[in-house]
C-alpha atoms as a PDB file:
ATOM      1  CA  MET A   1     -95.605 -76.594-104.362  1.00  0.00           C
ATOM      2  CA  THR A   2     -93.389 -77.456-101.389  1.00  0.00           C
ATOM      3  CA  ALA A   3     -92.759 -81.131-100.578  1.00  0.00           C
ATOM      4  CA  LYS A   4     -93.850 -82.355 -97.157  1.00  0.00           C
ATOM      5  CA  ASN A   5     -92.870 -85.085 -94.730  1.00  0.00           C
ATOM      6  CA  PRO A   6     -95.244 -87.848 -93.581  1.00  0.00           C
ATOM      7  CA  LYS A   7     -95.227 -86.406 -90.047  1.00  0.00           C
ATOM      8  CA  ASP A   8     -96.945 -83.286 -91.427  1.00  0.00           C
ATOM      9  CA  SER A   9    -100.061 -85.374 -92.062  1.00  0.00           C
ATOM     10  CA  LEU A  10     -99.951 -87.397 -88.837  1.00  0.00           C
ATOM     11  CA  THR A  11    -103.408 -87.932 -87.379  1.00  0.00           C
ATOM     12  CA  ILE A  12    -104.065 -89.732 -84.104  1.00  0.00           C
ATOM     13  CA  LEU A  13    -107.600 -90.569 -83.003  1.00  0.00           C
ATOM     14  CA  THR A  14    -108.262 -92.185 -79.630  1.00  0.00           C
ATOM     15  CA  ASP A  15    -111.723 -93.441 -78.721  1.00  0.00           C
ATOM     16  CA  MET A  16    -113.543 -96.031 -76.627  1.00  0.00           C
ATOM     17  CA  VAL A  17    -115.654 -98.894 -77.989  1.00  0.00           C
ATOM     18  CA  LEU A  18    -119.237 -98.504 -76.760  1.00  0.00           C
ATOM     19  CA  PRO A  19    -121.923-101.246 -76.536  1.00  0.00           C
ATOM     20  CA  GLY A  20    -123.940 -99.845 -79.457  1.00  0.00           C
ATOM     21  CA  GLU A  21    -120.908-100.297 -81.748  1.00  0.00           C
ATOM     22  CA  THR A  22    -120.487-104.026 -81.148  1.00  0.00           C
ATOM     23  CA  ASN A  23    -121.734-107.285 -82.621  1.00  0.00           C
ATOM     24  CA  ALA A  24    -123.388-110.274 -80.871  1.00  0.00           C
ATOM     25  CA  LEU A  25    -119.968-111.269 -79.453  1.00  0.00           C
ATOM     26  CA  ASN A  26    -119.549-107.802 -77.898  1.00  0.00           C
ATOM     27  CA  ASN A  27    -116.687-106.986 -80.295  1.00  0.00           C
ATOM     28  CA  LEU A  28    -116.448-103.824 -82.386  1.00  0.00           C
ATOM     29  CA  PHE A  29    -118.206-104.101 -85.758  1.00  0.00           C
ATOM     30  CA  GLY A  30    -115.645-104.281 -88.585  1.00  0.00           C
ATOM     31  CA  GLY A  31    -117.542-101.597 -90.489  1.00  0.00           C
ATOM     32  CA  GLU A  32    -117.389 -99.260 -87.505  1.00  0.00           C
ATOM     33  CA  LEU A  33    -113.626 -99.693 -87.341  1.00  0.00           C
ATOM     34  CA  LEU A  34    -113.318 -99.087 -91.092  1.00  0.00           C
ATOM     35  CA  ALA A  35    -115.305 -95.851 -90.727  1.00  0.00           C
ATOM     36  CA  ARG A  36    -112.992 -94.640 -87.954  1.00  0.00           C
ATOM     37  CA  MET A  37    -109.944 -95.543 -90.043  1.00  0.00           C
ATOM     38  CA  ASP A  38    -111.428 -93.735 -93.070  1.00  0.00           C
ATOM     39  CA  ARG A  39    -111.970 -90.568 -90.990  1.00  0.00           C
ATOM     40  CA  ALA A  40    -108.372 -90.594 -89.731  1.00  0.00           C
ATOM     41  CA  CYS A  41    -107.026 -91.161 -93.249  1.00  0.00           C
ATOM     42  CA  SER A  42    -109.249 -88.392 -94.592  1.00  0.00           C
ATOM     43  CA  ILE A  43    -107.791 -85.943 -92.081  1.00  0.00           C
ATOM     44  CA  SER A  44    -104.239 -87.029 -93.009  1.00  0.00           C
ATOM     45  CA  ALA A  45    -104.950 -86.554 -96.722  1.00  0.00           C
ATOM     46  CA  GLN A  46    -106.504 -83.143 -96.078  1.00  0.00           C
ATOM     47  CA  ARG A  47    -103.552 -82.070 -93.933  1.00  0.00           C
ATOM     48  CA  HIS A  48    -101.144 -83.083 -96.680  1.00  0.00           C
ATOM     49  CA  SER A  49    -103.002 -81.539 -99.608  1.00  0.00           C
ATOM     50  CA  ARG A  50    -104.875 -78.717 -97.848  1.00  0.00           C
ATOM     51  CA  ARG A  51    -107.739 -79.545-100.212  1.00  0.00           C
ATOM     52  CA  ILE A  52    -111.073 -81.342-100.207  1.00  0.00           C
ATOM     53  CA  VAL A  53    -110.320 -85.076-100.349  1.00  0.00           C
ATOM     54  CA  VAL A  54    -112.362 -88.113-101.313  1.00  0.00           C
ATOM     55  CA  THR A  55    -111.778 -91.790-100.617  1.00  0.00           C
ATOM     56  CA  ALA A  56    -110.741 -93.483-103.862  1.00  0.00           C
ATOM     57  CA  SER A  57    -110.119 -96.984-102.510  1.00  0.00           C
ATOM     58  CA  VAL A  58    -109.450 -99.139 -99.514  1.00  0.00           C
ATOM     59  CA  ASN A  59    -106.486-101.102-100.788  1.00  0.00           C
ATOM     60  CA  HIS A  60    -105.774-103.332 -97.835  1.00  0.00           C
ATOM     61  CA  VAL A  61    -107.254-104.036 -94.428  1.00  0.00           C
ATOM     62  CA  ALA A  62    -106.093-106.680 -91.970  1.00  0.00           C
ATOM     63  CA  PHE A  63    -108.286-107.495 -88.978  1.00  0.00           C
ATOM     64  CA  ASN A  64    -105.693-109.059 -86.692  1.00  0.00           C
ATOM     65  CA  LYS A  65    -107.565-109.141 -83.393  1.00  0.00           C
ATOM     66  CA  ALA A  66    -111.110-108.683 -82.091  1.00  0.00           C
ATOM     67  CA  VAL A  67    -111.754-105.448 -80.205  1.00  0.00           C
ATOM     68  CA  PRO A  68    -114.047-105.979 -77.194  1.00  0.00           C
ATOM     69  CA  VAL A  69    -116.522-103.463 -75.807  1.00  0.00           C
ATOM     70  CA  GLY A  70    -114.874-100.983 -73.464  1.00  0.00           C
ATOM     71  CA  SER A  71    -111.543-101.105 -75.277  1.00  0.00           C
ATOM     72  CA  VAL A  72    -109.600 -97.927 -75.924  1.00  0.00           C
ATOM     73  CA  LEU A  73    -108.481 -97.718 -79.554  1.00  0.00           C
ATOM     74  CA  THR A  74    -105.777 -95.516 -81.015  1.00  0.00           C
ATOM     75  CA  ILE A  75    -105.811 -94.984 -84.773  1.00  0.00           C
ATOM     76  CA  GLU A  76    -102.735 -93.409 -86.347  1.00  0.00           C
ATOM     77  CA  SER A  77    -102.528 -92.434 -90.002  1.00  0.00           C
ATOM     78  CA  LYS A  78    -100.198 -90.493 -92.254  1.00  0.00           C
ATOM     79  CA  VAL A  79     -99.551 -90.102 -95.961  1.00  0.00           C
ATOM     80  CA  SER A  80     -97.056 -92.725 -97.143  1.00  0.00           C
ATOM     81  CA  ARG A  81     -96.748 -91.476-100.732  1.00  0.00           C
ATOM     82  CA  ALA A  82     -98.211 -88.757-102.909  1.00  0.00           C
ATOM     83  CA  PHE A  83     -98.707 -89.130-106.639  1.00  0.00           C
ATOM     84  CA  LYS A  84    -100.181 -86.586-109.057  1.00  0.00           C
ATOM     85  CA  SER A  85    -103.507 -85.978-107.286  1.00  0.00           C
ATOM     86  CA  SER A  86    -103.766 -89.135-105.200  1.00  0.00           C
ATOM     87  CA  MET A  87    -102.255 -90.007-101.852  1.00  0.00           C
ATOM     88  CA  GLU A  88    -101.702 -93.367-100.229  1.00  0.00           C
ATOM     89  CA  ILE A  89    -102.374 -93.249 -96.504  1.00  0.00           C
ATOM     90  CA  TYR A  90    -101.184 -95.996 -94.189  1.00  0.00           C
ATOM     91  CA  VAL A  91    -103.185 -96.481 -90.995  1.00  0.00           C
ATOM     92  CA  ASP A  92    -102.303 -98.480 -87.879  1.00  0.00           C
ATOM     93  CA  VAL A  93    -104.729 -99.386 -85.074  1.00  0.00           C
ATOM     94  CA  TRP A  94    -103.821-100.316 -81.506  1.00  0.00           C
ATOM     95  CA  MET A  95    -105.912-101.460 -78.570  1.00  0.00           C
ATOM     96  CA  GLU A  96    -104.840-100.415 -75.101  1.00  0.00           C
ATOM     97  CA  ASP A  97    -105.077-102.867 -72.213  1.00  0.00           C
ATOM     98  CA  ARG A  98    -107.194-101.217 -69.509  1.00  0.00           C
ATOM     99  CA  GLU A  99    -105.093-102.551 -66.642  1.00  0.00           C
ATOM    100  CA  THR A 100    -101.511-102.441 -67.945  1.00  0.00           C
ATOM    101  CA  GLY A 101    -101.684 -99.741 -70.609  1.00  0.00           C
ATOM    102  CA  GLU A 102     -99.881-102.106 -73.013  1.00  0.00           C
ATOM    103  CA  LYS A 103    -100.790-101.531 -76.659  1.00  0.00           C
ATOM    104  CA  THR A 104    -101.529-104.388 -79.072  1.00  0.00           C
ATOM    105  CA  THR A 105    -101.795-104.027 -82.845  1.00  0.00           C
ATOM    106  CA  VAL A 106    -105.326-104.965 -83.883  1.00  0.00           C
ATOM    107  CA  ASN A 107    -105.599-103.640 -87.416  1.00  0.00           C
ATOM    108  CA  GLU A 108    -103.827-101.887 -90.265  1.00  0.00           C
ATOM    109  CA  GLY A 109    -104.937-100.583 -93.588  1.00  0.00           C
ATOM    110  CA  ILE A 110    -103.952 -98.731 -96.714  1.00  0.00           C
ATOM    111  CA  TYR A 111    -106.340 -96.165 -98.176  1.00  0.00           C
ATOM    112  CA  THR A 112    -106.094 -94.029-101.304  1.00  0.00           C
ATOM    113  CA  PHE A 113    -107.515 -90.514-101.359  1.00  0.00           C
ATOM    114  CA  VAL A 114    -107.721 -87.996-104.174  1.00  0.00           C
ATOM    115  CA  ALA A 115    -107.534 -84.234-103.671  1.00  0.00           C
ATOM    116  CA  VAL A 116    -110.222 -82.331-105.561  1.00  0.00           C
ATOM    117  CA  ASP A 117    -111.373 -78.780-106.115  1.00  0.00           C
ATOM    118  CA  ARG A 118    -114.881 -77.528-105.325  1.00  0.00           C
ATOM    119  CA  THR A 119    -116.204 -78.980-108.592  1.00  0.00           C
ATOM    120  CA  GLY A 120    -114.800 -82.442-107.826  1.00  0.00           C
ATOM    121  CA  SER A 121    -111.949 -82.266-110.338  1.00  0.00           C
ATOM    122  CA  PRO A 122    -108.614 -83.756-109.213  1.00  0.00           C
ATOM    123  CA  VAL A 123    -105.885 -81.290-108.237  1.00  0.00           C
ATOM    124  CA  LYS A 124    -102.139 -81.671-107.815  1.00  0.00           C
ATOM    125  CA  VAL A 125    -100.772 -82.523-104.359  1.00  0.00           C
ATOM    126  CA  PRO A 126     -97.319 -81.917-102.824  1.00  0.00           C
ATOM    127  CA  GLU A 127     -94.673 -84.628-102.938  1.00  0.00           C
ATOM    128  CA  ILE A 128     -93.723 -86.627 -99.847  1.00  0.00           C
ATOM    129  CA  ILE A 129     -90.190 -86.952 -98.528  1.00  0.00           C
ATOM    130  CA  PRO A 130     -90.024 -89.932 -96.144  1.00  0.00           C
ATOM    131  CA  GLU A 131     -87.662 -89.634 -93.185  1.00  0.00           C
ATOM    132  CA  THR A 132     -87.746 -92.795 -91.053  1.00  0.00           C
ATOM    133  CA  GLU A 133     -86.918 -96.320 -92.206  1.00  0.00           C
ATOM    134  CA  LEU A 134     -90.578 -97.349 -91.874  1.00  0.00           C
ATOM    135  CA  GLU A 135     -91.687 -94.299 -93.893  1.00  0.00           C
ATOM    136  CA  LYS A 136     -89.141 -95.145 -96.606  1.00  0.00           C
ATOM    137  CA  LYS A 137     -90.317 -98.761 -96.718  1.00  0.00           C
ATOM    138  CA  ARG A 138     -93.966 -97.710 -97.021  1.00  0.00           C
ATOM    139  CA  PHE A 139     -93.051 -95.038 -99.603  1.00  0.00           C
ATOM    140  CA  ASP A 140     -91.249 -97.599-101.814  1.00  0.00           C
ATOM    141  CA  GLY A 141     -94.053-100.142-101.435  1.00  0.00           C
ATOM    142  CA  ALA A 142     -96.674 -97.564-102.432  1.00  0.00           C
ATOM    143  CA  LEU A 143     -95.453 -97.437-106.022  1.00  0.00           C
ATOM    144  CA  ARG A 144     -95.598-101.231-106.309  1.00  0.00           C
ATOM    145  CA  ARG A 145     -99.106-101.255-104.840  1.00  0.00           C
ATOM    146  CA  LYS A 146    -100.210 -98.524-107.259  1.00  0.00           C
ATOM    147  CA  GLN A 147     -98.785-100.367-110.258  1.00  0.00           C
ATOM    148  CA  LEU A 148    -100.448-103.611-109.161  1.00  0.00           C
ATOM    149  CA  SER A 149    -103.775-101.840-108.782  1.00  0.00           C
ATOM    150  CA  LEU A 150    -103.462-100.235-112.229  1.00  0.00           C
ATOM    151  CA  LEU A 151    -102.419-103.552-113.760  1.00  0.00           C
ATOM    152  CA  LEU A 152    -105.381-105.409-112.249  1.00  0.00           C
ATOM    153  CA  ALA A 153    -107.733-102.681-113.501  1.00  0.00           C
ATOM    154  CA  ASN A 154    -106.243-102.982-117.016  1.00  0.00           C
ATOM    155  CA  LYS A 155    -105.119 -99.352-116.876  1.00  0.00           C
ATOM    156  CA  ILE A 156    -101.494-100.209-117.634  1.00  0.00           C
ATOM    157  CA  LYS A 157     -99.834-103.017-119.569  1.00  0.00           C
ATOM    158  CA  PRO A 158     -97.637-105.566-117.747  1.00  0.00           C
ATOM    159  CA  GLU A 159     -94.481-104.134-119.302  1.00  0.00           C
ATOM    160  CA  GLN A 160     -95.325-100.736-117.780  1.00  0.00           C
ATOM    161  CA  ALA A 161     -95.304-102.175-114.244  1.00  0.00           C
ATOM    162  CA  THR A 162     -91.574-101.596-113.850  1.00  0.00           C
ATOM    163  CA  GLU A 163     -91.549-101.789-110.040  1.00  0.00           C
ATOM    164  CA  LEU A 164     -93.396-105.108-110.108  1.00  0.00           C
ATOM    165  CA  LYS A 165     -91.089-106.521-112.776  1.00  0.00           C
ATOM    166  CA  ALA A 166     -88.081-105.550-110.642  1.00  0.00           C
ATOM    167  CA  LEU A 167     -89.354-107.840-107.887  1.00  0.00           C
ATOM    168  CA  PHE A 168     -88.936-110.838-110.176  1.00  0.00           C
ATOM    169  CA  SER A 169     -85.688-109.883-111.895  1.00  0.00           C
END
């Protein structure tokens, strides 16, 4: 299985916020944004693994700014790290100013997907080789996030969380 780069899984979705997708304040529903982010991440995971993929978890979401009706959103996702059958996908969301074209970060998230076969059993995925400084930073952080998640779920013992222990050494 040949290793891939994060850019191989790059997915960019651009869409407009319509009135039926907003709350009483005329801002995009958070759940609607999460669904769009999940779709982008799903495409990234599928591009990386070339398999059926399922959402395993939404590890982090930060709603930094409200997104008003009529806004143009750009959602960009790519695999930040691949493990045995799971992939961490980092997703960034920008809103484009209608008049100036300036982009503002409004959201980011970290999703985990698992590649499966047609029976739903996990399958191995290719490794990731990060290239840019940001990709390397996200790649390194992915192992810490995975260990923290496993530790909180009681799936590993504290002494097995070597990356987390290194933070405090």
